[in-house]
């Protein structure tokens, strides 16, 4: 290989000077090198086409700009996240009070377990309801691990079973269907509001699960203090199973709802 051949190799990425072009025309090695290099080079696709800037696109851009300015003028500052949590907790309180008043027409506190056990389990459920609301709606970049939510839900479930009275007040089927229906009805409004608030941020399954457990926990709390049936099979089928099922429904529905923003 001659020095001219080496210079040809150095100039492969651009046009060859006249003297090197003359050398390459008469050099068999340089011709083969140039032919192989041109065969391997990517095709020239030309400049990227510019987007069409016709009257339709300009009208859409102007409409989007006008809507953005209108929304910004209406809400120049973001709503504090804790207001959503507060609204959700107040809704829980109202629904729980109304539900307890309706189902407790012939007696509100019918759980025959010791009073300190009933109060302790009720406080644990309240803590789970409040913690689930915070976990579901509080902003943050961190993704909460599923184990944290599962551990909290498991603790509430174990406390319910450990603090049961053991009294079987009604037949299993009748009592289970009655408590299941009551818990579902009491969870409709809290669950719907939680889903609306969850759509204000990006979809995260763990947050949706925490909010679902929190919303369904309102009905479970009402049943805990009101239901006279303390058998283990009744508590599992009539209290805990619908609680977990409603949380799963919340995750399913939230995964199919559009997000208004994609903030964490």
C-alpha atoms as a PDB file:
ATOM      1  CA  UNK A   1       0.000   0.000   0.000  1.00  0.00           C
ATOM      2  CA  UNK A   2       1.397   3.351  -1.112  1.00  0.00           C
ATOM      3  CA  UNK A   3       1.211   6.634   0.846  1.00  0.00           C
ATOM      4  CA  UNK A   4      -1.454   7.799  -1.617  1.00  0.00           C
ATOM      5  CA  UNK A   5      -3.582   4.763  -0.699  1.00  0.00           C
ATOM      6  CA  UNK A   6      -3.307   5.678   2.972  1.00  0.00           C
ATOM      7  CA  UNK A   7      -4.394   9.235   2.174  1.00  0.00           C
ATOM      8  CA  UNK A   8      -7.384   7.842   0.263  1.00  0.00           C
ATOM      9  CA  UNK A   9      -8.362   5.851   3.366  1.00  0.00           C
ATOM     10  CA  UNK A  10      -8.148   8.975   5.491  1.00  0.00           C
ATOM     11  CA  UNK A  11     -10.490  10.841   3.141  1.00  0.00           C
ATOM     12  CA  UNK A  12     -13.235   8.202   2.835  1.00  0.00           C
ATOM     13  CA  UNK A  13     -15.744  10.299   4.765  1.00  0.00           C
ATOM     14  CA  UNK A  14     -15.674  13.130   2.206  1.00  0.00           C
ATOM     15  CA  UNK A  15     -14.909  13.960  -1.424  1.00  0.00           C
ATOM     16  CA  UNK A  16     -11.386  13.101  -2.616  1.00  0.00           C
ATOM     17  CA  UNK A  17      -9.014  15.874  -3.727  1.00  0.00           C
ATOM     18  CA  UNK A  18      -8.224  15.896  -7.473  1.00  0.00           C
ATOM     19  CA  UNK A  19      -4.792  14.243  -7.076  1.00  0.00           C
ATOM     20  CA  UNK A  20      -6.191  11.436  -4.885  1.00  0.00           C
ATOM     21  CA  UNK A  21      -9.136  10.962  -7.228  1.00  0.00           C
ATOM     22  CA  UNK A  22      -6.718  10.492 -10.119  1.00  0.00           C
ATOM     23  CA  UNK A  23      -4.704   7.998  -8.071  1.00  0.00           C
ATOM     24  CA  UNK A  24      -7.824   6.045  -7.044  1.00  0.00           C
ATOM     25  CA  UNK A  25      -8.934   5.827 -10.678  1.00  0.00           C
ATOM     26  CA  UNK A  26      -5.761   3.982 -11.598  1.00  0.00           C
ATOM     27  CA  UNK A  27      -5.276   1.951  -8.377  1.00  0.00           C
ATOM     28  CA  UNK A  28      -7.127  -1.361  -8.180  1.00  0.00           C
ATOM     29  CA  UNK A  29      -6.917  -1.519  -4.371  1.00  0.00           C
ATOM     30  CA  UNK A  30      -8.322   1.996  -3.934  1.00  0.00           C
ATOM     31  CA  UNK A  31     -11.170   1.325  -6.373  1.00  0.00           C
ATOM     32  CA  UNK A  32     -12.173  -1.811  -4.421  1.00  0.00           C
ATOM     33  CA  UNK A  33     -11.925   0.098  -1.158  1.00  0.00           C
ATOM     34  CA  UNK A  34     -14.106   2.944  -2.421  1.00  0.00           C
ATOM     35  CA  UNK A  35     -16.700   0.587  -3.890  1.00  0.00           C
ATOM     36  CA  UNK A  36     -16.978  -1.337  -0.619  1.00  0.00           C
ATOM     37  CA  UNK A  37     -17.200   1.845   1.455  1.00  0.00           C
ATOM     38  CA  UNK A  38     -19.975   3.286  -0.733  1.00  0.00           C
ATOM     39  CA  UNK A  39     -21.876   0.002  -0.589  1.00  0.00           C
ATOM     40  CA  UNK A  40     -21.826   0.019   3.200  1.00  0.00           C
ATOM     41  CA  UNK A  41     -22.679   3.718   3.611  1.00  0.00           C
ATOM     42  CA  UNK A  42     -26.287   4.454   4.701  1.00  0.00           C
ATOM     43  CA  UNK A  43     -28.547   5.829   1.982  1.00  0.00           C
ATOM     44  CA  UNK A  44     -29.039   9.561   1.892  1.00  0.00           C
ATOM     45  CA  UNK A  45     -32.613  10.132   2.908  1.00  0.00           C
ATOM     46  CA  UNK A  46     -32.411  13.886   2.565  1.00  0.00           C
ATOM     47  CA  UNK A  47     -33.632  16.445   5.078  1.00  0.00           C
ATOM     48  CA  UNK A  48     -36.578  15.534   7.288  1.00  0.00           C
ATOM     49  CA  UNK A  49     -39.875  16.856   5.982  1.00  0.00           C
ATOM     50  CA  UNK A  50     -41.134  19.906   7.771  1.00  0.00           C
ATOM     51  CA  UNK A  51     -44.506  19.632   9.495  1.00  0.00           C
ATOM     52  CA  UNK A  52     -47.406  21.035   7.582  1.00  0.00           C
ATOM     53  CA  UNK A  53     -48.154  24.495   8.888  1.00  0.00           C
ATOM     54  CA  UNK A  54     -51.444  25.053   7.182  1.00  0.00           C
ATOM     55  CA  UNK A  55     -54.440  26.989   8.484  1.00  0.00           C
ATOM     56  CA  UNK A  56     -55.836  23.914  10.302  1.00  0.00           C
ATOM     57  CA  UNK A  57     -52.684  23.313  12.346  1.00  0.00           C
ATOM     58  CA  UNK A  58     -52.350  26.984  13.165  1.00  0.00           C
ATOM     59  CA  UNK A  59     -55.961  27.061  14.379  1.00  0.00           C
ATOM     60  CA  UNK A  60     -55.392  24.028  16.600  1.00  0.00           C
ATOM     61  CA  UNK A  61     -52.240  25.542  18.087  1.00  0.00           C
ATOM     62  CA  UNK A  62     -54.048  28.789  18.805  1.00  0.00           C
ATOM     63  CA  UNK A  63     -56.957  26.919  20.424  1.00  0.00           C
ATOM     64  CA  UNK A  64     -54.564  24.919  22.625  1.00  0.00           C
ATOM     65  CA  UNK A  65     -52.733  28.081  23.634  1.00  0.00           C
ATOM     66  CA  UNK A  66     -55.993  29.832  24.489  1.00  0.00           C
ATOM     67  CA  UNK A  67     -57.207  26.921  26.640  1.00  0.00           C
ATOM     68  CA  UNK A  68     -53.887  26.758  28.452  1.00  0.00           C
ATOM     69  CA  UNK A  69     -53.960  30.466  29.258  1.00  0.00           C
ATOM     70  CA  UNK A  70     -57.586  30.190  30.451  1.00  0.00           C
ATOM     71  CA  UNK A  71     -56.786  27.307  32.815  1.00  0.00           C
ATOM     72  CA  UNK A  72     -53.675  29.073  34.065  1.00  0.00           C
ATOM     73  CA  UNK A  73     -55.659  32.252  34.786  1.00  0.00           C
ATOM     74  CA  UNK A  74     -58.324  30.255  36.653  1.00  0.00           C
ATOM     75  CA  UNK A  75     -55.778  28.348  38.769  1.00  0.00           C
ATOM     76  CA  UNK A  76     -52.404  30.105  38.754  1.00  0.00           C
ATOM     77  CA  UNK A  77     -51.193  28.018  41.718  1.00  0.00           C
ATOM     78  CA  UNK A  78     -51.497  24.229  42.111  1.00  0.00           C
ATOM     79  CA  UNK A  79     -53.988  22.927  44.644  1.00  0.00           C
ATOM     80  CA  UNK A  80     -52.214  21.591  47.751  1.00  0.00           C
ATOM     81  CA  UNK A  81     -52.266  17.788  47.750  1.00  0.00           C
ATOM     82  CA  UNK A  82     -53.391  17.624  51.366  1.00  0.00           C
ATOM     83  CA  UNK A  83     -56.718  19.200  50.427  1.00  0.00           C
ATOM     84  CA  UNK A  84     -57.578  16.120  48.386  1.00  0.00           C
ATOM     85  CA  UNK A  85     -56.693  13.902  51.328  1.00  0.00           C
ATOM     86  CA  UNK A  86     -58.786  16.064  53.649  1.00  0.00           C
ATOM     87  CA  UNK A  87     -61.794  15.954  51.310  1.00  0.00           C
ATOM     88  CA  UNK A  88     -61.486  12.171  51.070  1.00  0.00           C
ATOM     89  CA  UNK A  89     -61.230  11.730  54.852  1.00  0.00           C
ATOM     90  CA  UNK A  90     -64.220  14.020  55.473  1.00  0.00           C
ATOM     91  CA  UNK A  91     -66.208  11.956  52.956  1.00  0.00           C
ATOM     92  CA  UNK A  92     -65.187   8.811  54.820  1.00  0.00           C
ATOM     93  CA  UNK A  93     -66.398  10.330  58.074  1.00  0.00           C
ATOM     94  CA  UNK A  94     -69.772  11.376  56.649  1.00  0.00           C
ATOM     95  CA  UNK A  95     -70.390   8.053  54.903  1.00  0.00           C
ATOM     96  CA  UNK A  96     -69.376   6.107  58.006  1.00  0.00           C
ATOM     97  CA  UNK A  97     -71.643   8.156  60.282  1.00  0.00           C
ATOM     98  CA  UNK A  98     -74.614   7.882  57.918  1.00  0.00           C
ATOM     99  CA  UNK A  99     -74.019   4.172  57.407  1.00  0.00           C
ATOM    100  CA  UNK A 100     -73.787   3.479  61.114  1.00  0.00           C
ATOM    101  CA  UNK A 101     -76.966   5.470  61.741  1.00  0.00           C
ATOM    102  CA  UNK A 102     -78.854   3.538  59.052  1.00  0.00           C
ATOM    103  CA  UNK A 103     -77.731   0.012  59.922  1.00  0.00           C
ATOM    104  CA  UNK A 104     -77.830   0.743  63.656  1.00  0.00           C
ATOM    105  CA  UNK A 105     -81.494   1.633  63.933  1.00  0.00           C
ATOM    106  CA  UNK A 106     -81.973  -1.305  66.294  1.00  0.00           C
ATOM    107  CA  UNK A 107     -78.603  -0.987  67.984  1.00  0.00           C
ATOM    108  CA  UNK A 108     -75.309   0.443  66.828  1.00  0.00           C
ATOM    109  CA  UNK A 109     -72.629  -1.293  68.874  1.00  0.00           C
ATOM    110  CA  UNK A 110     -73.627  -4.966  68.662  1.00  0.00           C
ATOM    111  CA  UNK A 111     -70.147  -6.504  68.570  1.00  0.00           C
ATOM    112  CA  UNK A 112     -70.109  -8.738  71.656  1.00  0.00           C
ATOM    113  CA  UNK A 113     -66.311  -8.907  71.953  1.00  0.00           C
ATOM    114  CA  UNK A 114     -64.746  -7.116  74.961  1.00  0.00           C
ATOM    115  CA  UNK A 115     -65.061  -3.353  74.587  1.00  0.00           C
ATOM    116  CA  UNK A 116     -61.315  -2.748  74.701  1.00  0.00           C
ATOM    117  CA  UNK A 117     -60.819  -5.289  71.890  1.00  0.00           C
ATOM    118  CA  UNK A 118     -63.537  -3.686  69.769  1.00  0.00           C
ATOM    119  CA  UNK A 119     -62.002  -0.247  70.342  1.00  0.00           C
ATOM    120  CA  UNK A 120     -58.478  -1.453  69.607  1.00  0.00           C
ATOM    121  CA  UNK A 121     -59.408  -3.136  66.322  1.00  0.00           C
ATOM    122  CA  UNK A 122     -61.521  -0.102  65.346  1.00  0.00           C
ATOM    123  CA  UNK A 123     -58.559   2.222  65.931  1.00  0.00           C
ATOM    124  CA  UNK A 124     -56.368  -0.055  63.825  1.00  0.00           C
ATOM    125  CA  UNK A 125     -58.899   0.062  60.989  1.00  0.00           C
ATOM    126  CA  UNK A 126     -59.090   3.859  61.272  1.00  0.00           C
ATOM    127  CA  UNK A 127     -55.292   4.062  61.097  1.00  0.00           C
ATOM    128  CA  UNK A 128     -55.333   1.840  58.008  1.00  0.00           C
ATOM    129  CA  UNK A 129     -58.013   3.964  56.360  1.00  0.00           C
ATOM    130  CA  UNK A 130     -56.091   7.189  56.997  1.00  0.00           C
ATOM    131  CA  UNK A 131     -52.743   5.675  56.041  1.00  0.00           C
ATOM    132  CA  UNK A 132     -54.166   4.251  52.820  1.00  0.00           C
ATOM    133  CA  UNK A 133     -55.548   7.655  51.844  1.00  0.00           C
ATOM    134  CA  UNK A 134     -52.168   9.293  52.441  1.00  0.00           C
ATOM    135  CA  UNK A 135     -50.319   6.531  50.623  1.00  0.00           C
ATOM    136  CA  UNK A 136     -52.623   6.795  47.621  1.00  0.00           C
ATOM    137  CA  UNK A 137     -52.780  10.586  47.232  1.00  0.00           C
ATOM    138  CA  UNK A 138     -49.608  12.071  48.716  1.00  0.00           C
ATOM    139  CA  UNK A 139     -47.231  13.125  45.910  1.00  0.00           C
ATOM    140  CA  UNK A 140     -43.690  11.853  45.657  1.00  0.00           C
ATOM    141  CA  UNK A 141     -41.204  10.366  43.282  1.00  0.00           C
ATOM    142  CA  UNK A 142     -40.811   7.232  45.330  1.00  0.00           C
ATOM    143  CA  UNK A 143     -42.877   4.196  44.390  1.00  0.00           C
ATOM    144  CA  UNK A 144     -44.195   2.504  47.503  1.00  0.00           C
ATOM    145  CA  UNK A 145     -43.386  -1.217  47.609  1.00  0.00           C
ATOM    146  CA  UNK A 146     -46.294  -3.618  47.471  1.00  0.00           C
ATOM    147  CA  UNK A 147     -45.033  -5.296  50.633  1.00  0.00           C
ATOM    148  CA  UNK A 148     -45.788  -2.208  52.739  1.00  0.00           C
ATOM    149  CA  UNK A 149     -49.447  -2.154  51.650  1.00  0.00           C
ATOM    150  CA  UNK A 150     -49.771  -5.936  51.971  1.00  0.00           C
ATOM    151  CA  UNK A 151     -48.257  -5.853  55.472  1.00  0.00           C
ATOM    152  CA  UNK A 152     -50.722  -3.176  56.616  1.00  0.00           C
ATOM    153  CA  UNK A 153     -53.709  -4.996  55.119  1.00  0.00           C
ATOM    154  CA  UNK A 154     -52.572  -8.284  56.647  1.00  0.00           C
ATOM    155  CA  UNK A 155     -52.241  -6.661  60.068  1.00  0.00           C
ATOM    156  CA  UNK A 156     -55.795  -5.324  59.915  1.00  0.00           C
ATOM    157  CA  UNK A 157     -57.144  -8.711  58.800  1.00  0.00           C
ATOM    158  CA  UNK A 158     -55.320 -10.603  61.549  1.00  0.00           C
ATOM    159  CA  UNK A 159     -56.547  -8.128  64.156  1.00  0.00           C
ATOM    160  CA  UNK A 160     -60.135  -8.655  63.002  1.00  0.00           C
ATOM    161  CA  UNK A 161     -59.850 -12.422  63.300  1.00  0.00           C
ATOM    162  CA  UNK A 162     -57.910 -12.337  66.563  1.00  0.00           C
ATOM    163  CA  UNK A 163     -60.407  -9.962  68.179  1.00  0.00           C
ATOM    164  CA  UNK A 164     -63.551 -11.819  67.120  1.00  0.00           C
ATOM    165  CA  UNK A 165     -66.212 -12.642  69.658  1.00  0.00           C
ATOM    166  CA  UNK A 166     -66.821 -16.136  68.293  1.00  0.00           C
ATOM    167  CA  UNK A 167     -70.592 -15.674  68.463  1.00  0.00           C
ATOM    168  CA  UNK A 168     -72.552 -17.051  65.483  1.00  0.00           C
ATOM    169  CA  UNK A 169     -75.666 -14.878  65.524  1.00  0.00           C
ATOM    170  CA  UNK A 170     -77.106 -15.749  62.103  1.00  0.00           C
ATOM    171  CA  UNK A 171     -76.873 -18.511  59.494  1.00  0.00           C
ATOM    172  CA  UNK A 172     -73.657 -18.235  57.483  1.00  0.00           C
ATOM    173  CA  UNK A 173     -75.250 -17.536  54.084  1.00  0.00           C
ATOM    174  CA  UNK A 174     -77.778 -14.987  55.353  1.00  0.00           C
ATOM    175  CA  UNK A 175     -75.304 -13.125  57.496  1.00  0.00           C
ATOM    176  CA  UNK A 176     -72.570 -13.143  54.866  1.00  0.00           C
ATOM    177  CA  UNK A 177     -74.809 -11.779  52.109  1.00  0.00           C
ATOM    178  CA  UNK A 178     -76.171  -9.068  54.380  1.00  0.00           C
ATOM    179  CA  UNK A 179     -72.758  -7.821  55.505  1.00  0.00           C
ATOM    180  CA  UNK A 180     -71.277  -8.138  52.010  1.00  0.00           C
ATOM    181  CA  UNK A 181     -74.049  -6.008  50.499  1.00  0.00           C
ATOM    182  CA  UNK A 182     -73.761  -3.420  53.264  1.00  0.00           C
ATOM    183  CA  UNK A 183     -70.009  -3.089  52.801  1.00  0.00           C
ATOM    184  CA  UNK A 184     -70.325  -2.722  49.019  1.00  0.00           C
ATOM    185  CA  UNK A 185     -73.041  -0.039  49.315  1.00  0.00           C
ATOM    186  CA  UNK A 186     -71.061   1.959  51.882  1.00  0.00           C
ATOM    187  CA  UNK A 187     -67.944   1.807  49.699  1.00  0.00           C
ATOM    188  CA  UNK A 188     -69.472   3.176  46.488  1.00  0.00           C
ATOM    189  CA  UNK A 189     -69.132   6.899  47.253  1.00  0.00           C
ATOM    190  CA  UNK A 190     -65.676   6.755  48.907  1.00  0.00           C
ATOM    191  CA  UNK A 191     -64.346   4.534  46.139  1.00  0.00           C
ATOM    192  CA  UNK A 192     -65.698   6.773  43.366  1.00  0.00           C
ATOM    193  CA  UNK A 193     -64.180   9.884  44.963  1.00  0.00           C
ATOM    194  CA  UNK A 194     -60.845   8.152  45.491  1.00  0.00           C
ATOM    195  CA  UNK A 195     -60.726   7.161  41.803  1.00  0.00           C
ATOM    196  CA  UNK A 196     -61.447  10.741  40.722  1.00  0.00           C
ATOM    197  CA  UNK A 197     -58.631  12.033  42.918  1.00  0.00           C
ATOM    198  CA  UNK A 198     -56.241   9.299  41.763  1.00  0.00           C
ATOM    199  CA  UNK A 199     -56.698  10.431  38.159  1.00  0.00           C
ATOM    200  CA  UNK A 200     -54.954  13.706  39.041  1.00  0.00           C
ATOM    201  CA  UNK A 201     -51.614  11.887  39.058  1.00  0.00           C
ATOM    202  CA  UNK A 202     -49.893   9.134  37.114  1.00  0.00           C
ATOM    203  CA  UNK A 203     -51.283   5.625  37.470  1.00  0.00           C
ATOM    204  CA  UNK A 204     -49.423   3.499  39.994  1.00  0.00           C
ATOM    205  CA  UNK A 205     -50.992   0.149  40.945  1.00  0.00           C
ATOM    206  CA  UNK A 206     -49.737   0.229  44.539  1.00  0.00           C
ATOM    207  CA  UNK A 207     -51.219   3.689  45.140  1.00  0.00           C
ATOM    208  CA  UNK A 208     -54.531   2.581  43.633  1.00  0.00           C
ATOM    209  CA  UNK A 209     -54.510  -0.520  45.840  1.00  0.00           C
ATOM    210  CA  UNK A 210     -53.835   1.549  48.965  1.00  0.00           C
ATOM    211  CA  UNK A 211     -56.633   3.988  48.109  1.00  0.00           C
ATOM    212  CA  UNK A 212     -59.000   1.096  47.357  1.00  0.00           C
ATOM    213  CA  UNK A 213     -58.307  -0.587  50.695  1.00  0.00           C
ATOM    214  CA  UNK A 214     -58.769   2.768  52.407  1.00  0.00           C
ATOM    215  CA  UNK A 215     -62.126   3.447  50.725  1.00  0.00           C
ATOM    216  CA  UNK A 216     -63.528  -0.025  51.376  1.00  0.00           C
ATOM    217  CA  UNK A 217     -62.292   0.165  54.963  1.00  0.00           C
ATOM    218  CA  UNK A 218     -65.091   2.619  55.804  1.00  0.00           C
ATOM    219  CA  UNK A 219     -67.751  -0.042  55.315  1.00  0.00           C
ATOM    220  CA  UNK A 220     -65.654  -2.625  57.123  1.00  0.00           C
ATOM    221  CA  UNK A 221     -65.327  -0.291  60.124  1.00  0.00           C
ATOM    222  CA  UNK A 222     -69.093   0.137  60.298  1.00  0.00           C
ATOM    223  CA  UNK A 223     -69.582  -3.628  60.169  1.00  0.00           C
ATOM    224  CA  UNK A 224     -66.905  -4.195  62.797  1.00  0.00           C
ATOM    225  CA  UNK A 225     -68.699  -2.181  65.468  1.00  0.00           C
ATOM    226  CA  UNK A 226     -72.259  -3.061  64.408  1.00  0.00           C
ATOM    227  CA  UNK A 227     -72.243  -6.711  63.310  1.00  0.00           C
ATOM    228  CA  UNK A 228     -73.163  -9.123  66.152  1.00  0.00           C
ATOM    229  CA  UNK A 229     -71.732 -12.124  64.298  1.00  0.00           C
ATOM    230  CA  UNK A 230     -68.166 -12.859  65.387  1.00  0.00           C
ATOM    231  CA  UNK A 231     -67.582 -16.264  63.771  1.00  0.00           C
ATOM    232  CA  UNK A 232     -64.333 -16.613  61.851  1.00  0.00           C
ATOM    233  CA  UNK A 233     -65.944 -17.860  58.616  1.00  0.00           C
ATOM    234  CA  UNK A 234     -68.434 -14.987  58.680  1.00  0.00           C
ATOM    235  CA  UNK A 235     -65.714 -12.380  59.199  1.00  0.00           C
ATOM    236  CA  UNK A 236     -63.603 -13.814  56.383  1.00  0.00           C
ATOM    237  CA  UNK A 237     -66.442 -14.094  53.843  1.00  0.00           C
ATOM    238  CA  UNK A 238     -68.631 -11.155  54.847  1.00  0.00           C
ATOM    239  CA  UNK A 239     -66.100  -8.558  56.045  1.00  0.00           C
ATOM    240  CA  UNK A 240     -62.564  -9.249  54.775  1.00  0.00           C
ATOM    241  CA  UNK A 241     -63.211 -10.818  51.366  1.00  0.00           C
ATOM    242  CA  UNK A 242     -65.340  -7.909  50.024  1.00  0.00           C
ATOM    243  CA  UNK A 243     -62.777  -5.470  51.452  1.00  0.00           C
ATOM    244  CA  UNK A 244     -59.968  -7.030  49.419  1.00  0.00           C
ATOM    245  CA  UNK A 245     -62.216  -7.534  46.360  1.00  0.00           C
ATOM    246  CA  UNK A 246     -63.259  -3.878  46.320  1.00  0.00           C
ATOM    247  CA  UNK A 247     -59.606  -2.834  46.484  1.00  0.00           C
ATOM    248  CA  UNK A 248     -58.903  -5.048  43.470  1.00  0.00           C
ATOM    249  CA  UNK A 249     -61.840  -3.461  41.634  1.00  0.00           C
ATOM    250  CA  UNK A 250     -60.353  -0.042  42.385  1.00  0.00           C
ATOM    251  CA  UNK A 251     -57.021  -1.041  40.820  1.00  0.00           C
ATOM    252  CA  UNK A 252     -58.795  -2.489  37.762  1.00  0.00           C
ATOM    253  CA  UNK A 253     -60.948   0.591  37.172  1.00  0.00           C
ATOM    254  CA  UNK A 254     -58.076   3.041  37.769  1.00  0.00           C
ATOM    255  CA  UNK A 255     -55.885   1.239  35.236  1.00  0.00           C
ATOM    256  CA  UNK A 256     -58.494   2.013  32.570  1.00  0.00           C
ATOM    257  CA  UNK A 257     -59.154   5.632  33.486  1.00  0.00           C
ATOM    258  CA  UNK A 258     -57.169   8.410  31.784  1.00  0.00           C
ATOM    259  CA  UNK A 259     -54.797  10.496  33.890  1.00  0.00           C
ATOM    260  CA  UNK A 260     -55.278  14.260  33.901  1.00  0.00           C
ATOM    261  CA  UNK A 261     -51.581  14.742  34.639  1.00  0.00           C
ATOM    262  CA  UNK A 262     -48.567  12.452  34.859  1.00  0.00           C
ATOM    263  CA  UNK A 263     -47.050  13.859  38.034  1.00  0.00           C
ATOM    264  CA  UNK A 264     -45.634  11.210  40.390  1.00  0.00           C
END
